[in-house]
Every structure is written in C-alpha cells, then in structure tokens.
C-alpha cells in the first residue's frame, strides 16, 4: 500500500514536471508582439479610425492565427481596440483592418499626440501563437459621423 502510494506520487510528480517543462518551452517560442507609431489627429467631432495592414511573417503550421490590437498611451497605459483573424491563404500580402479608436483615444488622452499600436499574435483556437506578424502600414484617419 505504501509502495503503491509512493509510486503514484512519483508518477504524478514526473507528469507534472513534464507538463511544466513543455509549457515553458512553448511559451518561449511564442511570437512576440509588434508595434508601430501613429500620429493621432484631433477628433473634431469625427470618428477616429485606425487602419492597419498586417502580414503573416511565416505560414502557421496549424491553429487559427489572429491578433489582439491595443493602443498604448503614456505611462504604460493600454487599451484593447479589437481582435482579428488572419487568413493563412492570404499570407503573401498584407491583410487590411479598421478599428474605431475614438473611445480609446479619449480615455488614454491621445488626441493630437503620437501613440503606439501593439499587435499581439494569438491563436484563435486557444493554442500558443507561433506565427510572427509584421505591420505593413498603420495610420489614424478621421471619418465624419
């Protein structure tokens, strides 16, 4: 009985160790976020739209490549402005997306200033995002309401 418990405990410990080492190894392989700097105009009663072109830097081996898009303010403040799904079949060129960032600009106090856009790769299926991304053009434009 004591031997069986000791073996069970040792097996569980070994399994937990393998899981931890496997997750740690995958986490360091995770694709890093990419950033671009944009000039934010004064809103003037218009909607502020972030237009960004994103390209998969490498075709994914599997999963569902996507990204979280954040607007970064001063002092490390950040606000998510959207999520997107990338189509691997369109990997040869940039895929274009638009996000309404009026609320984020107001909350972060970025009107008339320079801001950073951060795009963090994710796997929409819940796995680890391994496909690096590249930003191919980012700008903020005003659209009349």
N, C-alpha and C. Protein backbone atom coordinates (compact mmCIF):
# COMPACT_ATOMS: atom_id res chain seq x y z
N UNK A 1 0.82 -1.19 0.00
CA UNK A 1 0.00 0.00 0.00
C UNK A 1 0.87 1.26 0.00
N UNK A 2 1.87 1.28 0.89
CA UNK A 2 2.76 2.44 0.97
C UNK A 2 3.59 2.56 -0.31
N UNK A 3 4.03 1.44 -0.84
CA UNK A 3 4.82 1.43 -2.06
C UNK A 3 3.98 1.95 -3.23
N UNK A 4 2.73 1.53 -3.30
CA UNK A 4 1.83 1.95 -4.37
C UNK A 4 1.60 3.46 -4.32
N UNK A 5 1.38 4.00 -3.12
CA UNK A 5 1.19 5.45 -2.97
C UNK A 5 2.45 6.21 -3.37
N UNK A 6 3.60 5.69 -2.98
CA UNK A 6 4.86 6.35 -3.32
C UNK A 6 5.08 6.34 -4.83
N UNK A 7 4.78 5.23 -5.48
CA UNK A 7 4.92 5.16 -6.94
C UNK A 7 3.92 6.07 -7.64
N UNK A 8 2.69 6.12 -7.13
CA UNK A 8 1.67 7.00 -7.71
C UNK A 8 2.11 8.46 -7.58
N UNK A 9 2.58 8.83 -6.39
CA UNK A 9 3.06 10.19 -6.18
C UNK A 9 4.22 10.52 -7.11
N UNK A 10 5.18 9.60 -7.25
CA UNK A 10 6.34 9.82 -8.12
C UNK A 10 5.90 9.96 -9.57
N UNK A 11 4.95 9.15 -10.00
CA UNK A 11 4.45 9.24 -11.38
C UNK A 11 3.74 10.57 -11.62
N UNK A 12 2.92 11.00 -10.67
CA UNK A 12 2.23 12.29 -10.81
C UNK A 12 3.21 13.44 -10.82
N UNK A 13 4.23 13.37 -9.96
CA UNK A 13 5.26 14.42 -9.93
C UNK A 13 6.00 14.49 -11.25
N UNK A 14 6.37 13.34 -11.80
CA UNK A 14 7.08 13.30 -13.09
C UNK A 14 6.20 13.86 -14.21
N UNK A 15 4.92 13.50 -14.20
CA UNK A 15 3.99 14.01 -15.21
C UNK A 15 3.84 15.53 -15.09
N UNK A 16 3.69 16.03 -13.89
CA UNK A 16 3.57 17.48 -13.67
C UNK A 16 4.83 18.20 -14.14
N UNK A 17 5.98 17.63 -13.87
CA UNK A 17 7.24 18.22 -14.30
C UNK A 17 7.32 18.28 -15.82
N UNK A 18 6.91 17.24 -16.49
CA UNK A 18 6.92 17.22 -17.96
C UNK A 18 5.95 18.27 -18.52
N UNK A 19 4.80 18.40 -17.91
CA UNK A 19 3.83 19.40 -18.37
C UNK A 19 4.39 20.81 -18.20
N UNK A 20 4.96 21.09 -17.04
CA UNK A 20 5.54 22.41 -16.78
C UNK A 20 6.67 22.71 -17.75
N UNK A 21 7.55 21.77 -17.96
CA UNK A 21 8.66 21.98 -18.90
C UNK A 21 8.16 22.14 -20.32
N UNK A 22 7.13 21.41 -20.70
CA UNK A 22 6.56 21.54 -22.04
C UNK A 22 5.92 22.89 -22.25
N UNK A 23 5.16 23.39 -21.28
CA UNK A 23 4.53 24.70 -21.38
C UNK A 23 5.58 25.79 -21.39
N UNK A 24 6.60 25.68 -20.58
CA UNK A 24 7.65 26.70 -20.54
C UNK A 24 8.38 26.76 -21.87
N UNK A 25 8.63 25.60 -22.45
CA UNK A 25 9.30 25.58 -23.75
C UNK A 25 8.46 26.23 -24.82
N UNK A 26 7.15 25.98 -24.81
CA UNK A 26 6.26 26.58 -25.80
C UNK A 26 6.12 28.08 -25.58
N UNK A 27 6.10 28.53 -24.32
CA UNK A 27 5.93 29.95 -24.03
C UNK A 27 7.09 30.76 -24.59
N UNK A 28 8.31 30.24 -24.53
CA UNK A 28 9.43 30.99 -25.06
C UNK A 28 9.43 31.01 -26.59
N UNK A 29 8.72 30.06 -27.22
CA UNK A 29 8.59 30.05 -28.68
C UNK A 29 7.46 30.95 -29.17
N UNK A 30 6.67 31.48 -28.26
CA UNK A 30 5.52 32.31 -28.60
C UNK A 30 5.99 33.52 -29.43
N UNK A 31 5.21 33.86 -30.47
CA UNK A 31 5.53 35.00 -31.31
C UNK A 31 5.39 36.29 -30.50
N UNK A 32 6.33 37.20 -30.65
CA UNK A 32 6.35 38.45 -29.90
C UNK A 32 5.41 39.48 -30.52
N UNK A 33 4.86 40.38 -29.69
CA UNK A 33 4.04 41.46 -30.23
C UNK A 33 4.89 42.39 -31.11
N UNK A 34 4.23 43.03 -32.07
CA UNK A 34 4.89 44.02 -32.92
C UNK A 34 4.23 45.37 -32.66
N UNK A 35 5.00 46.44 -32.90
CA UNK A 35 4.49 47.79 -32.63
C UNK A 35 4.76 48.73 -33.79
N UNK A 36 3.90 49.72 -33.88
CA UNK A 36 4.06 50.79 -34.86
C UNK A 36 3.64 52.10 -34.20
N UNK A 37 4.24 53.19 -34.62
CA UNK A 37 3.90 54.51 -34.09
C UNK A 37 2.96 55.21 -35.06
N UNK A 38 1.92 55.83 -34.52
CA UNK A 38 0.95 56.57 -35.34
C UNK A 38 0.74 57.96 -34.75
N UNK A 39 0.41 58.91 -35.61
CA UNK A 39 0.05 60.25 -35.17
C UNK A 39 -1.47 60.29 -35.04
N UNK A 40 -1.96 60.70 -33.87
CA UNK A 40 -3.40 60.76 -33.63
C UNK A 40 -3.86 62.21 -33.82
N UNK A 41 -4.73 62.45 -34.82
CA UNK A 41 -5.22 63.82 -35.03
C UNK A 41 -6.24 64.21 -33.97
N UNK A 42 -6.56 65.48 -33.91
CA UNK A 42 -7.65 65.94 -33.05
C UNK A 42 -8.96 65.46 -33.66
N UNK A 43 -9.90 64.97 -32.86
CA UNK A 43 -11.10 64.34 -33.41
C UNK A 43 -12.04 65.28 -34.18
N UNK A 44 -12.22 66.52 -33.76
CA UNK A 44 -13.11 67.47 -34.44
C UNK A 44 -14.47 66.88 -34.77
N UNK A 45 -15.14 66.31 -33.80
CA UNK A 45 -16.48 65.72 -33.95
C UNK A 45 -16.52 64.63 -35.02
N UNK A 46 -15.43 63.94 -35.22
CA UNK A 46 -15.39 62.85 -36.19
C UNK A 46 -14.98 61.56 -35.47
N UNK A 47 -15.19 60.47 -36.13
CA UNK A 47 -14.77 59.17 -35.61
C UNK A 47 -13.32 58.94 -36.00
N UNK A 48 -12.51 58.52 -35.05
CA UNK A 48 -11.11 58.20 -35.33
C UNK A 48 -11.00 56.71 -35.65
N UNK A 49 -10.40 56.41 -36.78
CA UNK A 49 -10.28 55.03 -37.23
C UNK A 49 -8.81 54.67 -37.40
N UNK A 50 -8.42 53.55 -36.81
CA UNK A 50 -7.08 53.01 -37.01
C UNK A 50 -7.15 52.09 -38.21
N UNK A 51 -6.33 52.37 -39.22
CA UNK A 51 -6.21 51.50 -40.38
C UNK A 51 -4.84 50.84 -40.31
N UNK A 52 -4.82 49.52 -40.38
CA UNK A 52 -3.55 48.80 -40.23
C UNK A 52 -3.49 47.64 -41.22
N UNK A 53 -2.32 47.46 -41.80
CA UNK A 53 -2.05 46.31 -42.66
C UNK A 53 -1.17 45.33 -41.91
N UNK A 54 -1.57 44.07 -41.87
CA UNK A 54 -0.83 43.04 -41.12
C UNK A 54 -0.54 41.87 -42.06
N UNK A 55 0.67 41.38 -41.98
CA UNK A 55 1.07 40.25 -42.81
C UNK A 55 1.63 39.16 -41.90
N UNK A 56 1.28 37.92 -42.20
CA UNK A 56 1.89 36.79 -41.51
C UNK A 56 3.33 36.69 -42.01
N UNK A 57 4.29 36.78 -41.10
CA UNK A 57 5.70 36.71 -41.50
C UNK A 57 6.10 35.29 -41.89
N UNK A 58 5.35 34.32 -41.41
CA UNK A 58 5.59 32.91 -41.75
C UNK A 58 4.26 32.19 -41.72
N UNK A 59 4.08 31.24 -42.60
CA UNK A 59 2.83 30.48 -42.60
C UNK A 59 2.75 29.62 -41.35
N UNK A 60 1.60 29.61 -40.68
CA UNK A 60 1.47 28.80 -39.47
C UNK A 60 1.40 27.32 -39.80
N UNK A 61 1.95 26.51 -38.90
CA UNK A 61 1.90 25.06 -39.08
C UNK A 61 0.50 24.53 -38.79
N UNK A 62 -0.25 25.26 -38.03
CA UNK A 62 -1.61 24.85 -37.67
C UNK A 62 -2.25 25.94 -36.85
N UNK A 63 -3.39 25.68 -36.31
CA UNK A 63 -4.09 26.65 -35.50
C UNK A 63 -4.82 27.68 -36.33
N UNK A 64 -5.30 28.70 -35.68
CA UNK A 64 -6.06 29.76 -36.31
C UNK A 64 -5.40 31.10 -35.94
N UNK A 65 -4.49 31.61 -36.78
CA UNK A 65 -3.76 32.82 -36.42
C UNK A 65 -4.67 34.04 -36.32
N UNK A 66 -4.43 34.80 -35.28
CA UNK A 66 -5.18 36.02 -35.05
C UNK A 66 -4.31 37.00 -34.31
N UNK A 67 -4.91 38.08 -33.84
CA UNK A 67 -4.15 39.09 -33.10
C UNK A 67 -5.08 39.91 -32.22
N UNK A 68 -4.50 40.44 -31.15
CA UNK A 68 -5.14 41.42 -30.29
C UNK A 68 -4.49 42.75 -30.61
N UNK A 69 -5.31 43.77 -30.87
CA UNK A 69 -4.80 45.10 -31.22
C UNK A 69 -5.03 46.03 -30.05
N UNK A 70 -3.95 46.67 -29.60
CA UNK A 70 -4.03 47.59 -28.47
C UNK A 70 -3.46 48.95 -28.85
N UNK A 71 -4.01 49.98 -28.24
CA UNK A 71 -3.47 51.32 -28.35
C UNK A 71 -2.77 51.62 -27.05
N UNK A 72 -1.50 52.04 -27.12
CA UNK A 72 -0.71 52.29 -25.92
C UNK A 72 -0.60 53.78 -25.66
N UNK A 73 -0.89 54.18 -24.44
CA UNK A 73 -0.78 55.57 -24.05
C UNK A 73 0.48 55.80 -23.24
N UNK A 74 0.54 56.95 -22.62
CA UNK A 74 1.70 57.27 -21.81
C UNK A 74 1.66 56.49 -20.50
N UNK A 75 2.79 56.36 -19.89
CA UNK A 75 2.95 55.69 -18.59
C UNK A 75 2.48 54.23 -18.63
N UNK A 76 2.59 53.59 -19.77
CA UNK A 76 2.28 52.17 -19.87
C UNK A 76 0.81 51.83 -19.95
N UNK A 77 -0.07 52.83 -20.00
CA UNK A 77 -1.50 52.55 -20.11
C UNK A 77 -1.79 51.97 -21.50
N UNK A 78 -2.67 50.98 -21.54
CA UNK A 78 -3.02 50.33 -22.81
C UNK A 78 -4.50 50.03 -22.82
N UNK A 79 -5.07 50.02 -24.03
CA UNK A 79 -6.48 49.68 -24.17
C UNK A 79 -6.67 48.84 -25.42
N UNK A 80 -7.34 47.70 -25.25
CA UNK A 80 -7.61 46.84 -26.41
C UNK A 80 -8.65 47.53 -27.28
N UNK A 81 -8.36 47.60 -28.59
CA UNK A 81 -9.30 48.22 -29.52
C UNK A 81 -9.93 47.20 -30.47
N UNK A 82 -9.45 45.96 -30.45
CA UNK A 82 -10.06 44.95 -31.28
C UNK A 82 -9.26 43.67 -31.36
N UNK A 83 -9.90 42.67 -31.94
CA UNK A 83 -9.27 41.37 -32.21
C UNK A 83 -9.56 41.04 -33.66
N UNK A 84 -8.68 40.24 -34.25
CA UNK A 84 -8.85 39.90 -35.65
C UNK A 84 -8.39 38.48 -35.92
N UNK A 85 -8.84 37.95 -37.04
CA UNK A 85 -8.42 36.64 -37.51
C UNK A 85 -7.71 36.82 -38.83
N UNK A 86 -6.54 36.21 -38.96
CA UNK A 86 -5.77 36.29 -40.19
C UNK A 86 -6.02 35.05 -41.04
N UNK A 87 -6.11 35.26 -42.32
CA UNK A 87 -6.35 34.15 -43.24
C UNK A 87 -5.01 33.67 -43.80
N UNK A 88 -4.57 32.47 -43.45
CA UNK A 88 -3.28 31.97 -43.94
C UNK A 88 -3.20 31.92 -45.46
N UNK A 89 -4.33 31.75 -46.15
CA UNK A 89 -4.32 31.69 -47.60
C UNK A 89 -3.93 33.03 -48.22
N UNK A 90 -4.05 34.12 -47.46
CA UNK A 90 -3.67 35.44 -47.96
C UNK A 90 -2.31 35.88 -47.41
N UNK A 91 -1.46 34.91 -47.07
CA UNK A 91 -0.19 35.21 -46.41
C UNK A 91 0.80 35.94 -47.30
N UNK A 92 0.57 35.95 -48.60
CA UNK A 92 1.55 36.59 -49.49
C UNK A 92 1.54 38.11 -49.37
N UNK A 93 0.43 38.69 -48.99
CA UNK A 93 0.36 40.15 -48.90
C UNK A 93 -0.30 40.58 -47.60
N UNK A 94 -0.31 41.89 -47.35
CA UNK A 94 -0.91 42.37 -46.10
C UNK A 94 -2.44 42.25 -46.14
N UNK A 95 -3.01 41.99 -44.99
CA UNK A 95 -4.45 41.98 -44.81
C UNK A 95 -4.80 43.26 -44.08
N UNK A 96 -5.80 43.97 -44.53
CA UNK A 96 -6.12 45.31 -44.00
C UNK A 96 -7.32 45.23 -43.05
N UNK A 97 -7.20 45.99 -41.95
CA UNK A 97 -8.23 46.03 -40.93
C UNK A 97 -8.45 47.47 -40.49
N UNK A 98 -9.68 47.76 -40.01
CA UNK A 98 -10.02 49.08 -39.48
C UNK A 98 -10.67 48.90 -38.11
N UNK A 99 -10.31 49.81 -37.20
CA UNK A 99 -10.85 49.79 -35.84
C UNK A 99 -11.24 51.20 -35.43
N UNK A 100 -12.42 51.33 -34.83
CA UNK A 100 -12.85 52.61 -34.28
C UNK A 100 -12.11 52.80 -32.95
N UNK A 101 -11.25 53.82 -32.89
CA UNK A 101 -10.44 54.03 -31.68
C UNK A 101 -10.82 55.31 -30.95
N UNK A 102 -11.96 55.92 -31.29
CA UNK A 102 -12.36 57.19 -30.67
C UNK A 102 -12.40 57.11 -29.16
N UNK A 103 -13.03 56.06 -28.63
CA UNK A 103 -13.15 55.91 -27.19
C UNK A 103 -11.78 55.71 -26.53
N UNK A 104 -10.93 54.88 -27.14
CA UNK A 104 -9.59 54.63 -26.59
C UNK A 104 -8.75 55.91 -26.59
N UNK A 105 -8.84 56.69 -27.65
CA UNK A 105 -8.09 57.96 -27.72
C UNK A 105 -8.55 58.90 -26.61
N UNK A 106 -9.87 58.98 -26.40
CA UNK A 106 -10.39 59.85 -25.35
C UNK A 106 -9.95 59.37 -23.96
N UNK A 107 -10.07 58.07 -23.70
CA UNK A 107 -9.73 57.53 -22.37
C UNK A 107 -8.23 57.62 -22.08
N UNK A 108 -7.40 57.44 -23.10
CA UNK A 108 -5.95 57.48 -22.90
C UNK A 108 -5.37 58.89 -23.08
N UNK A 109 -6.20 59.86 -23.48
CA UNK A 109 -5.75 61.23 -23.66
C UNK A 109 -4.74 61.38 -24.79
N UNK A 110 -4.99 60.75 -25.93
CA UNK A 110 -4.02 60.73 -27.02
C UNK A 110 -4.34 61.69 -28.16
N UNK A 111 -5.43 62.43 -28.10
CA UNK A 111 -5.80 63.33 -29.20
C UNK A 111 -4.69 64.34 -29.45
N UNK A 112 -4.27 64.42 -30.71
CA UNK A 112 -3.22 65.37 -31.08
C UNK A 112 -1.82 64.94 -30.69
N UNK A 113 -1.65 63.69 -30.32
CA UNK A 113 -0.35 63.19 -29.87
C UNK A 113 0.08 61.97 -30.69
N UNK A 114 1.28 61.51 -30.41
CA UNK A 114 1.78 60.28 -31.02
C UNK A 114 1.45 59.11 -30.10
N UNK A 115 1.05 58.01 -30.69
CA UNK A 115 0.70 56.82 -29.91
C UNK A 115 1.34 55.60 -30.55
N UNK A 116 1.41 54.53 -29.77
CA UNK A 116 1.90 53.27 -30.29
C UNK A 116 0.75 52.30 -30.43
N UNK A 117 0.79 51.53 -31.50
CA UNK A 117 -0.16 50.44 -31.73
C UNK A 117 0.61 49.15 -31.48
N UNK A 118 0.05 48.29 -30.63
CA UNK A 118 0.66 47.00 -30.37
C UNK A 118 -0.24 45.91 -30.91
N UNK A 119 0.35 44.99 -31.67
CA UNK A 119 -0.40 43.88 -32.22
C UNK A 119 0.24 42.59 -31.71
N UNK A 120 -0.52 41.89 -30.87
CA UNK A 120 -0.02 40.66 -30.24
C UNK A 120 -0.61 39.44 -30.94
N UNK A 121 0.23 38.58 -31.49
CA UNK A 121 -0.28 37.38 -32.14
C UNK A 121 -0.95 36.45 -31.14
N UNK A 122 -2.07 35.87 -31.55
CA UNK A 122 -2.76 34.87 -30.73
C UNK A 122 -3.19 33.73 -31.65
N UNK A 123 -3.52 32.62 -31.03
CA UNK A 123 -4.13 31.50 -31.76
C UNK A 123 -5.59 31.51 -31.36
N UNK A 124 -6.48 31.78 -32.31
CA UNK A 124 -7.91 31.89 -32.01
C UNK A 124 -8.50 30.56 -31.55
N UNK A 125 -7.79 29.46 -31.76
CA UNK A 125 -8.25 28.15 -31.31
C UNK A 125 -7.81 27.87 -29.88
N UNK A 126 -7.07 28.79 -29.27
CA UNK A 126 -6.68 28.63 -27.88
C UNK A 126 -5.28 28.11 -27.64
N UNK A 127 -4.53 27.82 -28.68
CA UNK A 127 -3.17 27.34 -28.51
C UNK A 127 -2.18 28.49 -28.36
N UNK A 128 -0.92 28.17 -28.49
CA UNK A 128 0.15 29.17 -28.41
C UNK A 128 0.38 29.73 -29.80
N UNK A 129 0.37 31.06 -29.93
CA UNK A 129 0.58 31.70 -31.23
C UNK A 129 2.06 31.64 -31.59
N UNK A 130 2.39 30.91 -32.62
CA UNK A 130 3.77 30.75 -33.03
C UNK A 130 4.09 31.51 -34.31
N UNK A 131 3.08 32.04 -35.00
CA UNK A 131 3.29 32.73 -36.28
C UNK A 131 3.61 34.20 -36.04
N UNK A 132 4.83 34.63 -36.38
CA UNK A 132 5.16 36.05 -36.20
C UNK A 132 4.40 36.91 -37.21
N UNK A 133 4.12 38.14 -36.81
CA UNK A 133 3.40 39.09 -37.65
C UNK A 133 4.30 40.24 -38.03
N UNK A 134 3.93 40.93 -39.09
CA UNK A 134 4.61 42.16 -39.50
C UNK A 134 3.55 43.21 -39.79
N UNK A 135 3.79 44.43 -39.34
CA UNK A 135 2.87 45.53 -39.64
C UNK A 135 3.33 46.18 -40.93
N UNK A 136 2.42 46.28 -41.87
CA UNK A 136 2.72 46.93 -43.14
C UNK A 136 1.79 48.13 -43.29
N UNK A 137 2.12 49.17 -42.58
CA UNK A 137 1.34 50.40 -42.64
C UNK A 137 0.32 50.51 -41.54
N UNK A 138 0.37 51.61 -40.81
CA UNK A 138 -0.61 51.90 -39.77
C UNK A 138 -0.81 53.41 -39.75
N UNK A 139 -2.07 53.84 -39.70
CA UNK A 139 -2.37 55.26 -39.64
C UNK A 139 -3.72 55.47 -38.99
N UNK A 140 -3.93 56.67 -38.48
CA UNK A 140 -5.20 57.04 -37.89
C UNK A 140 -5.83 58.09 -38.79
N UNK A 141 -7.06 57.87 -39.18
CA UNK A 141 -7.78 58.81 -40.04
C UNK A 141 -9.07 59.22 -39.36
N UNK A 142 -9.61 60.37 -39.76
CA UNK A 142 -10.90 60.82 -39.23
C UNK A 142 -11.98 60.52 -40.25
N UNK A 143 -13.09 60.09 -39.76
CA UNK A 143 -14.27 59.81 -40.59
C UNK A 143 -15.43 60.63 -40.03
N UNK A 144 -16.13 61.32 -40.89
CA UNK A 144 -17.27 62.11 -40.45
C UNK A 144 -18.39 61.19 -40.01
N UNK A 145 -19.06 61.57 -38.94
CA UNK A 145 -20.13 60.74 -38.39
C UNK A 145 -21.39 60.83 -39.21
